[in-house]
Amino acid sequence: MDPVALQTEELISAIRSSRDYLRYKKCEEQLRQNPELKKKVDEYRVRNFQLQQTDRDLFDESDEVLREFGGVLKNPLAAEYLDAESSVCRMVQRVVNYINKSVAVDIPEMEKPGH
């Protein structure tokens, strides 16, 4: 195995054994035991992702999503799962950002479609 692949495997292992990831997996397993709640949480996750990808007014859209999913977000298991997921995503994002800053590859700026 080449050195980069080996180090990548070690990084993945470190992430999988991290407190944040273990917490996420525990919450994920608990959520799977409640299919109805999992479905609602997944619907919220999809809407939230779509919201982040839009150019529309985020303030109004966020209010609408909060109204629609407020009950789900107040559920302790759902809230814990979403918090754990967010922690893992931030950890992975920090790793990717660090690699991007440390490995100099000149990538030109791109305009968003429709601009």
PDB file of N, CA and C in Angstrom:
ATOM      1  N   MET A   1       0.856  -1.183   0.000  1.00  0.00           N
ATOM      2  CA  MET A   1       0.000   0.000   0.000  1.00  0.00           C
ATOM      3  C   MET A   1       0.899   1.242   0.000  1.00  0.00           C
ATOM      4  N   ASP A   2       0.549   2.213  -0.810  1.00  0.00           N
ATOM      5  CA  ASP A   2       1.371   3.420  -0.864  1.00  0.00           C
ATOM      6  C   ASP A   2       1.202   4.237   0.418  1.00  0.00           C
ATOM      7  N   PRO A   3       2.184   5.098   0.729  1.00  0.00           N
ATOM      8  CA  PRO A   3       2.163   5.833   1.998  1.00  0.00           C
ATOM      9  C   PRO A   3       0.918   6.702   2.204  1.00  0.00           C
ATOM     10  N   VAL A   4       0.417   7.330   1.160  1.00  0.00           N
ATOM     11  CA  VAL A   4      -0.765   8.186   1.301  1.00  0.00           C
ATOM     12  C   VAL A   4      -1.985   7.334   1.649  1.00  0.00           C
ATOM     13  N   ALA A   5      -2.151   6.213   0.971  1.00  0.00           N
ATOM     14  CA  ALA A   5      -3.282   5.328   1.268  1.00  0.00           C
ATOM     15  C   ALA A   5      -3.179   4.793   2.694  1.00  0.00           C
ATOM     16  N   LEU A   6      -1.983   4.442   3.111  1.00  0.00           N
ATOM     17  CA  LEU A   6      -1.779   3.936   4.469  1.00  0.00           C
ATOM     18  C   LEU A   6      -2.133   4.997   5.508  1.00  0.00           C
ATOM     19  N   GLN A   7      -1.659   6.216   5.300  1.00  0.00           N
ATOM     20  CA  GLN A   7      -1.962   7.301   6.229  1.00  0.00           C
ATOM     21  C   GLN A   7      -3.447   7.646   6.213  1.00  0.00           C
ATOM     22  N   THR A   8      -4.065   7.532   5.051  1.00  0.00           N
ATOM     23  CA  THR A   8      -5.503   7.776   4.953  1.00  0.00           C
ATOM     24  C   THR A   8      -6.269   6.752   5.779  1.00  0.00           C
ATOM     25  N   GLU A   9      -5.870   5.494   5.690  1.00  0.00           N
ATOM     26  CA  GLU A   9      -6.503   4.446   6.498  1.00  0.00           C
ATOM     27  C   GLU A   9      -6.328   4.730   7.986  1.00  0.00           C
ATOM     28  N   GLU A  10      -5.154   5.213   8.372  1.00  0.00           N
ATOM     29  CA  GLU A  10      -4.912   5.550   9.775  1.00  0.00           C
ATOM     30  C   GLU A  10      -5.784   6.726  10.214  1.00  0.00           C
ATOM     31  N   LEU A  11      -5.936   7.710   9.340  1.00  0.00           N
ATOM     32  CA  LEU A  11      -6.803   8.850   9.645  1.00  0.00           C
ATOM     33  C   LEU A  11      -8.252   8.392   9.818  1.00  0.00           C
ATOM     34  N   ILE A  12      -8.714   7.541   8.915  1.00  0.00           N
ATOM     35  CA  ILE A  12     -10.079   7.017   9.016  1.00  0.00           C
ATOM     36  C   ILE A  12     -10.260   6.259  10.324  1.00  0.00           C
ATOM     37  N   SER A  13      -9.281   5.475  10.685  1.00  0.00           N
ATOM     38  CA  SER A  13      -9.343   4.730  11.943  1.00  0.00           C
ATOM     39  C   SER A  13      -9.411   5.679  13.139  1.00  0.00           C
ATOM     40  N   ALA A  14      -8.626   6.751  13.090  1.00  0.00           N
ATOM     41  CA  ALA A  14      -8.641   7.740  14.174  1.00  0.00           C
ATOM     42  C   ALA A  14     -10.004   8.423  14.267  1.00  0.00           C
ATOM     43  N   ILE A  15     -10.588   8.748  13.130  1.00  0.00           N
ATOM     44  CA  ILE A  15     -11.917   9.370  13.125  1.00  0.00           C
ATOM     45  C   ILE A  15     -12.946   8.405  13.700  1.00  0.00           C
ATOM     46  N   ARG A  16     -12.903   7.160  13.256  1.00  0.00           N
ATOM     47  CA  ARG A  16     -13.886   6.164  13.717  1.00  0.00           C
ATOM     48  C   ARG A  16     -13.763   5.849  15.203  1.00  0.00           C
ATOM     49  N   SER A  17     -12.596   6.064  15.773  1.00  0.00           N
ATOM     50  CA  SER A  17     -12.431   5.790  17.205  1.00  0.00           C
ATOM     51  C   SER A  17     -12.552   7.057  18.055  1.00  0.00           C
ATOM     52  N   SER A  18     -12.827   8.186  17.410  1.00  0.00           N
ATOM     53  CA  SER A  18     -12.961   9.447  18.148  1.00  0.00           C
ATOM     54  C   SER A  18     -14.246   9.460  18.972  1.00  0.00           C
ATOM     55  N   ARG A  19     -14.232  10.239  20.021  1.00  0.00           N
ATOM     56  CA  ARG A  19     -15.405  10.374  20.890  1.00  0.00           C
ATOM     57  C   ARG A  19     -16.623  10.872  20.099  1.00  0.00           C
ATOM     58  N   ASP A  20     -16.408  11.860  19.227  1.00  0.00           N
ATOM     59  CA  ASP A  20     -17.526  12.411  18.449  1.00  0.00           C
ATOM     60  C   ASP A  20     -18.157  11.353  17.547  1.00  0.00           C
ATOM     61  N   TYR A  21     -17.319  10.579  16.866  1.00  0.00           N
ATOM     62  CA  TYR A  21     -17.850   9.574  15.950  1.00  0.00           C
ATOM     63  C   TYR A  21     -18.560   8.458  16.709  1.00  0.00           C
ATOM     64  N   LEU A  22     -17.995   8.019  17.830  1.00  0.00           N
ATOM     65  CA  LEU A  22     -18.632   6.970  18.633  1.00  0.00           C
ATOM     66  C   LEU A  22     -19.980   7.444  19.175  1.00  0.00           C
ATOM     67  N   ARG A  23     -20.038   8.704  19.575  1.00  0.00           N
ATOM     68  CA  ARG A  23     -21.307   9.284  20.032  1.00  0.00           C
ATOM     69  C   ARG A  23     -22.327   9.295  18.893  1.00  0.00           C
ATOM     70  N   TYR A  24     -21.870   9.696  17.713  1.00  0.00           N
ATOM     71  CA  TYR A  24     -22.745   9.714  16.543  1.00  0.00           C
ATOM     72  C   TYR A  24     -23.296   8.318  16.248  1.00  0.00           C
ATOM     73  N   LYS A  25     -22.437   7.307  16.242  1.00  0.00           N
ATOM     74  CA  LYS A  25     -22.874   5.945  15.935  1.00  0.00           C
ATOM     75  C   LYS A  25     -23.866   5.430  16.982  1.00  0.00           C
ATOM     76  N   LYS A  26     -23.645   5.784  18.244  1.00  0.00           N
ATOM     77  CA  LYS A  26     -24.569   5.377  19.305  1.00  0.00           C
ATOM     78  C   LYS A  26     -25.942   6.014  19.076  1.00  0.00           C
ATOM     79  N   CYS A  27     -25.949   7.302  18.786  1.00  0.00           N
ATOM     80  CA  CYS A  27     -27.214   8.007  18.521  1.00  0.00           C
ATOM     81  C   CYS A  27     -27.892   7.457  17.275  1.00  0.00           C
ATOM     82  N   GLU A  28     -27.104   7.162  16.254  1.00  0.00           N
ATOM     83  CA  GLU A  28     -27.650   6.611  15.017  1.00  0.00           C
ATOM     84  C   GLU A  28     -28.356   5.279  15.292  1.00  0.00           C
ATOM     85  N   GLU A  29     -27.729   4.422  16.085  1.00  0.00           N
ATOM     86  CA  GLU A  29     -28.334   3.131  16.422  1.00  0.00           C
ATOM     87  C   GLU A  29     -29.629   3.323  17.209  1.00  0.00           C
ATOM     88  N   GLN A  30     -29.623   4.239  18.156  1.00  0.00           N
ATOM     89  CA  GLN A  30     -30.836   4.509  18.934  1.00  0.00           C
ATOM     90  C   GLN A  30     -31.948   5.047  18.037  1.00  0.00           C
ATOM     91  N   LEU A  31     -31.584   5.906  17.104  1.00  0.00           N
ATOM     92  CA  LEU A  31     -32.575   6.483  16.198  1.00  0.00           C
ATOM     93  C   LEU A  31     -33.161   5.414  15.275  1.00  0.00           C
ATOM     94  N   ARG A  32     -32.346   4.482  14.843  1.00  0.00           N
ATOM     95  CA  ARG A  32     -32.825   3.395  13.975  1.00  0.00           C
ATOM     96  C   ARG A  32     -33.901   2.553  14.664  1.00  0.00           C
ATOM     97  N   GLN A  33     -33.901   2.548  15.965  1.00  0.00           N
ATOM     98  CA  GLN A  33     -34.888   1.773  16.713  1.00  0.00           C
ATOM     99  C   GLN A  33     -36.252   2.465  16.755  1.00  0.00           C
ATOM    100  N   ASN A  34     -36.310   3.690  16.247  1.00  0.00           N
ATOM    101  CA  ASN A  34     -37.565   4.438  16.183  1.00  0.00           C
ATOM    102  C   ASN A  34     -37.754   4.907  14.733  1.00  0.00           C
ATOM    103  N   PRO A  35     -38.238   4.017  13.848  1.00  0.00           N
ATOM    104  CA  PRO A  35     -38.318   4.337  12.420  1.00  0.00           C
ATOM    105  C   PRO A  35     -39.117   5.598  12.096  1.00  0.00           C
ATOM    106  N   GLU A  36     -40.178   5.849  12.845  1.00  0.00           N
ATOM    107  CA  GLU A  36     -40.993   7.043  12.576  1.00  0.00           C
ATOM    108  C   GLU A  36     -40.196   8.318  12.860  1.00  0.00           C
ATOM    109  N   LEU A  37     -39.506   8.344  13.986  1.00  0.00           N
ATOM    110  CA  LEU A  37     -38.678   9.502  14.321  1.00  0.00           C
ATOM    111  C   LEU A  37     -37.525   9.632  13.335  1.00  0.00           C
ATOM    112  N   LYS A  38     -36.904   8.515  12.965  1.00  0.00           N
ATOM    113  CA  LYS A  38     -35.796   8.552  12.006  1.00  0.00           C
ATOM    114  C   LYS A  38     -36.251   9.158  10.686  1.00  0.00           C
ATOM    115  N   LYS A  39     -37.453   8.768  10.244  1.00  0.00           N
ATOM    116  CA  LYS A  39     -37.984   9.312   8.989  1.00  0.00           C
ATOM    117  C   LYS A  39     -38.135  10.830   9.084  1.00  0.00           C
ATOM    118  N   LYS A  40     -38.662  11.321  10.200  1.00  0.00           N
ATOM    119  CA  LYS A  40     -38.835  12.767  10.374  1.00  0.00           C
ATOM    120  C   LYS A  40     -37.486  13.484  10.452  1.00  0.00           C
ATOM    121  N   VAL A  41     -36.539  12.884  11.154  1.00  0.00           N
ATOM    122  CA  VAL A  41     -35.199  13.477  11.256  1.00  0.00           C
ATOM    123  C   VAL A  41     -34.547  13.523   9.875  1.00  0.00           C
ATOM    124  N   ASP A  42     -34.683  12.452   9.110  1.00  0.00           N
ATOM    125  CA  ASP A  42     -34.111  12.428   7.757  1.00  0.00           C
ATOM    126  C   ASP A  42     -34.767  13.473   6.857  1.00  0.00           C
ATOM    127  N   GLU A  43     -36.079  13.653   6.999  1.00  0.00           N
ATOM    128  CA  GLU A  43     -36.770  14.694   6.226  1.00  0.00           C
ATOM    129  C   GLU A  43     -36.214  16.070   6.594  1.00  0.00           C
ATOM    130  N   TYR A  44     -36.001  16.296   7.878  1.00  0.00           N
ATOM    131  CA  TYR A  44     -35.418  17.564   8.322  1.00  0.00           C
ATOM    132  C   TYR A  44     -34.017  17.741   7.737  1.00  0.00           C
ATOM    133  N   ARG A  45     -33.218  16.689   7.772  1.00  0.00           N
ATOM    134  CA  ARG A  45     -31.849  16.767   7.254  1.00  0.00           C
ATOM    135  C   ARG A  45     -31.849  17.122   5.770  1.00  0.00           C
ATOM    136  N   VAL A  46     -32.760  16.510   5.009  1.00  0.00           N
ATOM    137  CA  VAL A  46     -32.859  16.805   3.574  1.00  0.00           C
ATOM    138  C   VAL A  46     -33.254  18.262   3.369  1.00  0.00           C
ATOM    139  N   ARG A  47     -34.276  18.725   4.092  1.00  0.00           N
ATOM    140  CA  ARG A  47     -34.720  20.118   3.955  1.00  0.00           C
ATOM    141  C   ARG A  47     -33.611  21.085   4.349  1.00  0.00           C
ATOM    142  N   ASN A  48     -32.913  20.777   5.413  1.00  0.00           N
ATOM    143  CA  ASN A  48     -31.829  21.629   5.879  1.00  0.00           C
ATOM    144  C   ASN A  48     -30.708  21.690   4.835  1.00  0.00           C
ATOM    145  N   PHE A  49     -30.372  20.553   4.242  1.00  0.00           N
ATOM    146  CA  PHE A  49     -29.350  20.522   3.195  1.00  0.00           C
ATOM    147  C   PHE A  49     -29.796  21.349   1.992  1.00  0.00           C
ATOM    148  N   GLN A  50     -31.043  21.171   1.573  1.00  0.00           N
ATOM    149  CA  GLN A  50     -31.566  21.944   0.446  1.00  0.00           C
ATOM    150  C   GLN A  50     -31.524  23.435   0.749  1.00  0.00           C
ATOM    151  N   LEU A  51     -31.841  23.787   1.966  1.00  0.00           N
ATOM    152  CA  LEU A  51     -31.822  25.184   2.392  1.00  0.00           C
ATOM    153  C   LEU A  51     -30.421  25.771   2.259  1.00  0.00           C
ATOM    154  N   GLN A  52     -29.422  25.001   2.629  1.00  0.00           N
ATOM    155  CA  GLN A  52     -28.042  25.472   2.561  1.00  0.00           C
ATOM    156  C   GLN A  52     -27.552  25.623   1.125  1.00  0.00           C
ATOM    157  N   GLN A  53     -28.202  24.943   0.186  1.00  0.00           N
ATOM    158  CA  GLN A  53     -27.777  24.976  -1.208  1.00  0.00           C
ATOM    159  C   GLN A  53     -28.524  26.017  -2.044  1.00  0.00           C
ATOM    160  N   THR A  54     -29.459  26.716  -1.438  1.00  0.00           N
ATOM    161  CA  THR A  54     -30.299  27.646  -2.187  1.00  0.00           C
ATOM    162  C   THR A  54     -29.753  29.068  -2.122  1.00  0.00           C
ATOM    163  N   ASP A  55     -30.169  29.863  -3.078  1.00  0.00           N
ATOM    164  CA  ASP A  55     -29.815  31.284  -3.089  1.00  0.00           C
ATOM    165  C   ASP A  55     -30.961  32.141  -2.564  1.00  0.00           C
ATOM    166  N   ARG A  56     -32.049  31.498  -2.139  1.00  0.00           N
ATOM    167  CA  ARG A  56     -33.212  32.240  -1.648  1.00  0.00           C
ATOM    168  C   ARG A  56     -32.933  32.841  -0.276  1.00  0.00           C
ATOM    169  N   ASP A  57     -33.881  33.628   0.216  1.00  0.00           N
ATOM    170  CA  ASP A  57     -33.759  34.283   1.516  1.00  0.00           C
ATOM    171  C   ASP A  57     -33.735  33.234   2.627  1.00  0.00           C
ATOM    172  N   LEU A  58     -32.571  33.050   3.225  1.00  0.00           N
ATOM    173  CA  LEU A  58     -32.405  32.010   4.240  1.00  0.00           C
ATOM    174  C   LEU A  58     -33.209  32.284   5.503  1.00  0.00           C
ATOM    175  N   PHE A  59     -33.419  33.551   5.825  1.00  0.00           N
ATOM    176  CA  PHE A  59     -34.143  33.886   7.049  1.00  0.00           C
ATOM    177  C   PHE A  59     -35.568  33.343   6.996  1.00  0.00           C
ATOM    178  N   ASP A  60     -36.279  33.655   5.920  1.00  0.00           N
ATOM    179  CA  ASP A  60     -37.659  33.180   5.772  1.00  0.00           C
ATOM    180  C   ASP A  60     -37.714  31.662   5.641  1.00  0.00           C
ATOM    181  N   GLU A  61     -36.812  31.115   4.858  1.00  0.00           N
ATOM    182  CA  GLU A  61     -36.781  29.664   4.658  1.00  0.00           C
ATOM    183  C   GLU A  61     -36.473  28.945   5.968  1.00  0.00           C
ATOM    184  N   SER A  62     -35.542  29.480   6.751  1.00  0.00           N
ATOM    185  CA  SER A  62     -35.181  28.867   8.038  1.00  0.00           C
ATOM    186  C   SER A  62     -36.368  28.858   8.980  1.00  0.00           C
ATOM    187  N   ASP A  63     -37.096  29.963   9.015  1.00  0.00           N
ATOM    188  CA  ASP A  63     -38.293  30.031   9.862  1.00  0.00           C
ATOM    189  C   ASP A  63     -39.305  28.961   9.469  1.00  0.00           C
ATOM    190  N   GLU A  64     -39.484  28.786   8.170  1.00  0.00           N
ATOM    191  CA  GLU A  64     -40.439  27.791   7.689  1.00  0.00           C
ATOM    192  C   GLU A  64     -40.005  26.377   8.102  1.00  0.00           C
ATOM    193  N   VAL A  65     -38.728  26.073   7.948  1.00  0.00           N
ATOM    194  CA  VAL A  65     -38.216  24.749   8.330  1.00  0.00           C
ATOM    195  C   VAL A  65     -38.361  24.541   9.833  1.00  0.00           C
ATOM    196  N   LEU A  66     -38.076  25.576  10.617  1.00  0.00           N
ATOM    197  CA  LEU A  66     -38.213  25.458  12.071  1.00  0.00           C
ATOM    198  C   LEU A  66     -39.665  25.239  12.484  1.00  0.00           C
ATOM    199  N   ARG A  67     -40.588  25.912  11.816  1.00  0.00           N
ATOM    200  CA  ARG A  67     -42.012  25.701  12.107  1.00  0.00           C
ATOM    201  C   ARG A  67     -42.423  24.270  11.757  1.00  0.00           C
ATOM    202  N   GLU A  68     -41.964  23.826  10.609  1.00  0.00           N
ATOM    203  CA  GLU A  68     -42.346  22.497  10.129  1.00  0.00           C
ATOM    204  C   GLU A  68     -41.756  21.372  10.993  1.00  0.00           C
ATOM    205  N   PHE A  69     -40.527  21.562  11.469  1.00  0.00           N
ATOM    206  CA  PHE A  69     -39.835  20.484  12.175  1.00  0.00           C
ATOM    207  C   PHE A  69     -39.554  20.802  13.639  1.00  0.00           C
ATOM    208  N   GLY A  70     -40.192  21.835  14.169  1.00  0.00           N
ATOM    209  CA  GLY A  70     -39.952  22.232  15.560  1.00  0.00           C
ATOM    210  C   GLY A  70     -40.168  21.112  16.554  1.00  0.00           C
ATOM    211  N   GLY A  71     -41.221  20.337  16.356  1.00  0.00           N
ATOM    212  CA  GLY A  71     -41.500  19.225  17.262  1.00  0.00           C
ATOM    213  C   GLY A  71     -40.417  18.168  17.228  1.00  0.00           C
ATOM    214  N   VAL A  72     -39.926  17.880  16.043  1.00  0.00           N
ATOM    215  CA  VAL A  72     -38.855  16.890  15.896  1.00  0.00           C
ATOM    216  C   VAL A  72     -37.594  17.379  16.593  1.00  0.00           C
ATOM    217  N   LEU A  73     -37.279  18.655  16.420  1.00  0.00           N
ATOM    218  CA  LEU A  73     -36.044  19.201  16.988  1.00  0.00           C
ATOM    219  C   LEU A  73     -36.081  19.257  18.507  1.00  0.00           C
ATOM    220  N   LYS A  74     -37.279  19.244  19.085  1.00  0.00           N
ATOM    221  CA  LYS A  74     -37.407  19.252  20.547  1.00  0.00           C
ATOM    222  C   LYS A  74     -37.271  17.849  21.138  1.00  0.00           C
ATOM    223  N   ASN A  75     -37.337  16.842  20.301  1.00  0.00           N
ATOM    224  CA  ASN A  75     -37.174  15.470  20.778  1.00  0.00           C
ATOM    225  C   ASN A  75     -35.713  15.271  21.203  1.00  0.00           C
ATOM    226  N   PRO A  76     -35.468  14.832  22.444  1.00  0.00           N
ATOM    227  CA  PRO A  76     -34.085  14.704  22.938  1.00  0.00           C
ATOM    228  C   PRO A  76     -33.201  13.790  22.086  1.00  0.00           C
ATOM    229  N   LEU A  77     -33.736  12.669  21.624  1.00  0.00           N
ATOM    230  CA  LEU A  77     -32.932  11.760  20.800  1.00  0.00           C
ATOM    231  C   LEU A  77     -32.600  12.393  19.455  1.00  0.00           C
ATOM    232  N   ALA A  78     -33.583  13.032  18.831  1.00  0.00           N
ATOM    233  CA  ALA A  78     -33.354  13.692  17.547  1.00  0.00           C
ATOM    234  C   ALA A  78     -32.330  14.809  17.702  1.00  0.00           C
ATOM    235  N   ALA A  79     -32.479  15.609  18.747  1.00  0.00           N
ATOM    236  CA  ALA A  79     -31.547  16.717  18.981  1.00  0.00           C
ATOM    237  C   ALA A  79     -30.135  16.199  19.227  1.00  0.00           C
ATOM    238  N   GLU A  80     -30.013  15.137  20.012  1.00  0.00           N
ATOM    239  CA  GLU A  80     -28.697  14.551  20.298  1.00  0.00           C
ATOM    240  C   GLU A  80     -28.065  13.993  19.025  1.00  0.00           C
ATOM    241  N   TYR A  81     -28.869  13.312  18.216  1.00  0.00           N
ATOM    242  CA  TYR A  81     -28.372  12.757  16.957  1.00  0.00           C
ATOM    243  C   TYR A  81     -27.877  13.869  16.031  1.00  0.00           C
ATOM    244  N   LEU A  82     -28.682  14.900  15.862  1.00  0.00           N
ATOM    245  CA  LEU A  82     -28.304  15.995  14.965  1.00  0.00           C
ATOM    246  C   LEU A  82     -27.061  16.721  15.468  1.00  0.00           C
ATOM    247  N   ASP A  83     -26.940  16.878  16.779  1.00  0.00           N
ATOM    248  CA  ASP A  83     -25.748  17.502  17.347  1.00  0.00           C
ATOM    249  C   ASP A  83     -24.522  16.624  17.115  1.00  0.00           C
ATOM    250  N   ALA A  84     -24.670  15.317  17.319  1.00  0.00           N
ATOM    251  CA  ALA A  84     -23.557  14.388  17.106  1.00  0.00           C
ATOM    252  C   ALA A  84     -23.147  14.365  15.636  1.00  0.00           C
ATOM    253  N   GLU A  85     -24.127  14.352  14.748  1.00  0.00           N
ATOM    254  CA  GLU A  85     -23.839  14.371  13.317  1.00  0.00           C
ATOM    255  C   GLU A  85     -23.088  15.646  12.946  1.00  0.00           C
ATOM    256  N   SER A  86     -23.530  16.761  13.475  1.00  0.00           N
ATOM    257  CA  SER A  86     -22.882  18.039  13.205  1.00  0.00           C
ATOM    258  C   SER A  86     -21.431  18.035  13.688  1.00  0.00           C
ATOM    259  N   SER A  87     -21.182  17.446  14.842  1.00  0.00           N
ATOM    260  CA  SER A  87     -19.817  17.369  15.371  1.00  0.00           C
ATOM    261  C   SER A  87     -18.911  16.565  14.448  1.00  0.00           C
ATOM    262  N   VAL A  88     -19.411  15.443  13.950  1.00  0.00           N
ATOM    263  CA  VAL A  88     -18.615  14.617  13.038  1.00  0.00           C
ATOM    264  C   VAL A  88     -18.371  15.366  11.729  1.00  0.00           C
ATOM    265  N   CYS A  89     -19.391  16.020  11.211  1.00  0.00           N
ATOM    266  CA  CYS A  89     -19.233  16.780   9.964  1.00  0.00           C
ATOM    267  C   CYS A  89     -18.204  17.894  10.123  1.00  0.00           C
ATOM    268  N   ARG A  90     -18.242  18.592  11.267  1.00  0.00           N
ATOM    269  CA  ARG A  90     -17.249  19.652  11.509  1.00  0.00           C
ATOM    270  C   ARG A  90     -15.842  19.072  11.601  1.00  0.00           C
ATOM    271  N   MET A  91     -15.696  17.905  12.228  1.00  0.00           N
ATOM    272  CA  MET A  91     -14.391  17.267  12.335  1.00  0.00           C
ATOM    273  C   MET A  91     -13.846  16.935  10.939  1.00  0.00           C
ATOM    274  N   VAL A  92     -14.670  16.321  10.113  1.00  0.00           N
ATOM    275  CA  VAL A  92     -14.248  15.965   8.757  1.00  0.00           C
ATOM    276  C   VAL A  92     -13.941  17.227   7.955  1.00  0.00           C
ATOM    277  N   GLN A  93     -14.757  18.260   8.130  1.00  0.00           N
ATOM    278  CA  GLN A  93     -14.531  19.518   7.422  1.00  0.00           C
ATOM    279  C   GLN A  93     -13.196  20.147   7.829  1.00  0.00           C
ATOM    280  N   ARG A  94     -12.863  20.090   9.122  1.00  0.00           N
ATOM    281  CA  ARG A  94     -11.568  20.618   9.574  1.00  0.00           C
ATOM    282  C   ARG A  94     -10.414  19.862   8.918  1.00  0.00           C
ATOM    283  N   VAL A  95     -10.540  18.544   8.815  1.00  0.00           N
ATOM    284  CA  VAL A  95      -9.496  17.734   8.177  1.00  0.00           C
ATOM    285  C   VAL A  95      -9.348  18.133   6.713  1.00  0.00           C
ATOM    286  N   VAL A  96     -10.463  18.220   6.008  1.00  0.00           N
ATOM    287  CA  VAL A  96     -10.428  18.582   4.589  1.00  0.00           C
ATOM    288  C   VAL A  96      -9.850  19.984   4.406  1.00  0.00           C
ATOM    289  N   ASN A  97     -10.280  20.935   5.228  1.00  0.00           N
ATOM    290  CA  ASN A  97      -9.750  22.299   5.130  1.00  0.00           C
ATOM    291  C   ASN A  97      -8.249  22.330   5.387  1.00  0.00           C
ATOM    292  N   TYR A  98      -7.794  21.568   6.363  1.00  0.00           N
ATOM    293  CA  TYR A  98      -6.363  21.523   6.677  1.00  0.00           C
ATOM    294  C   TYR A  98      -5.576  20.947   5.505  1.00  0.00           C
ATOM    295  N   ILE A  99      -6.089  19.887   4.909  1.00  0.00           N
ATOM    296  CA  ILE A  99      -5.419  19.301   3.743  1.00  0.00           C
ATOM    297  C   ILE A  99      -5.399  20.303   2.597  1.00  0.00           C
ATOM    298  N   ASN A 100      -6.528  20.951   2.335  1.00  0.00           N
ATOM    299  CA  ASN A 100      -6.591  21.930   1.246  1.00  0.00           C
ATOM    300  C   ASN A 100      -5.607  23.071   1.441  1.00  0.00           C
ATOM    301  N   LYS A 101      -5.448  23.531   2.685  1.00  0.00           N
ATOM    302  CA  LYS A 101      -4.501  24.614   2.963  1.00  0.00           C
ATOM    303  C   LYS A 101      -3.059  24.142   2.856  1.00  0.00           C
ATOM    304  N   SER A 102      -2.827  22.887   3.176  1.00  0.00           N
ATOM    305  CA  SER A 102      -1.464  22.370   3.255  1.00  0.00           C
ATOM    306  C   SER A 102      -0.941  21.821   1.936  1.00  0.00           C
ATOM    307  N   VAL A 103      -1.830  21.439   1.040  1.00  0.00           N
ATOM    308  CA  VAL A 103      -1.428  20.899  -0.252  1.00  0.00           C
ATOM    309  C   VAL A 103      -1.755  21.964  -1.296  1.00  0.00           C
ATOM    310  N   ALA A 104      -0.731  22.591  -1.812  1.00  0.00           N
ATOM    311  CA  ALA A 104      -0.919  23.722  -2.724  1.00  0.00           C
ATOM    312  C   ALA A 104      -1.302  23.237  -4.123  1.00  0.00           C
ATOM    313  N   VAL A 105      -2.586  23.388  -4.434  1.00  0.00           N
ATOM    314  CA  VAL A 105      -3.086  23.109  -5.774  1.00  0.00           C
ATOM    315  C   VAL A 105      -3.835  24.359  -6.212  1.00  0.00           C
ATOM    316  N   ASP A 106      -3.405  24.945  -7.314  1.00  0.00           N
ATOM    317  CA  ASP A 106      -4.009  26.182  -7.793  1.00  0.00           C
ATOM    318  C   ASP A 106      -5.325  25.871  -8.506  1.00  0.00           C
ATOM    319  N   ILE A 107      -6.428  26.190  -7.838  1.00  0.00           N
ATOM    320  CA  ILE A 107      -7.757  25.958  -8.406  1.00  0.00           C
ATOM    321  C   ILE A 107      -8.388  27.321  -8.678  1.00  0.00           C
ATOM    322  N   PRO A 108      -8.785  27.590  -9.926  1.00  0.00           N
ATOM    323  CA  PRO A 108      -9.358  28.902 -10.241  1.00  0.00           C
ATOM    324  C   PRO A 108     -10.721  29.091  -9.585  1.00  0.00           C
ATOM    325  N   GLU A 109     -11.049  30.352  -9.318  1.00  0.00           N
ATOM    326  CA  GLU A 109     -12.368  30.696  -8.783  1.00  0.00           C
ATOM    327  C   GLU A 109     -13.411  30.398  -9.853  1.00  0.00           C
ATOM    328  N   MET A 110     -14.571  29.930  -9.408  1.00  0.00           N
ATOM    329  CA  MET A 110     -15.658  29.647 -10.341  1.00  0.00           C
ATOM    330  C   MET A 110     -16.886  30.429  -9.924  1.00  0.00           C
ATOM    331  N   GLU A 111     -17.613  30.906 -10.912  1.00  0.00           N
ATOM    332  CA  GLU A 111     -18.880  31.566 -10.625  1.00  0.00           C
ATOM    333  C   GLU A 111     -19.941  30.512 -10.407  1.00  0.00           C
ATOM    334  N   LYS A 112     -20.913  30.844  -9.546  1.00  0.00           N
ATOM    335  CA  LYS A 112     -22.051  29.946  -9.366  1.00  0.00           C
ATOM    336  C   LYS A 112     -22.907  30.010 -10.621  1.00  0.00           C
ATOM    337  N   PRO A 113     -23.523  28.892 -10.995  1.00  0.00           N
ATOM    338  CA  PRO A 113     -24.414  28.913 -12.167  1.00  0.00           C
ATOM    339  C   PRO A 113     -25.515  29.955 -11.992  1.00  0.00           C
ATOM    340  N   GLY A 114     -25.798  30.661 -13.055  1.00  0.00           N
ATOM    341  CA  GLY A 114     -26.867  31.650 -13.029  1.00  0.00           C
ATOM    342  C   GLY A 114     -26.420  33.024 -12.569  1.00  0.00           C
ATOM    343  N   HIS A 115     -25.125  33.238 -12.383  1.00  0.00           N
ATOM    344  CA  HIS A 115     -24.635  34.550 -11.950  1.00  0.00           C
ATOM    345  C   HIS A 115     -23.840  35.220 -13.039  1.00  0.00           C
TER     346      HIS A 115
END
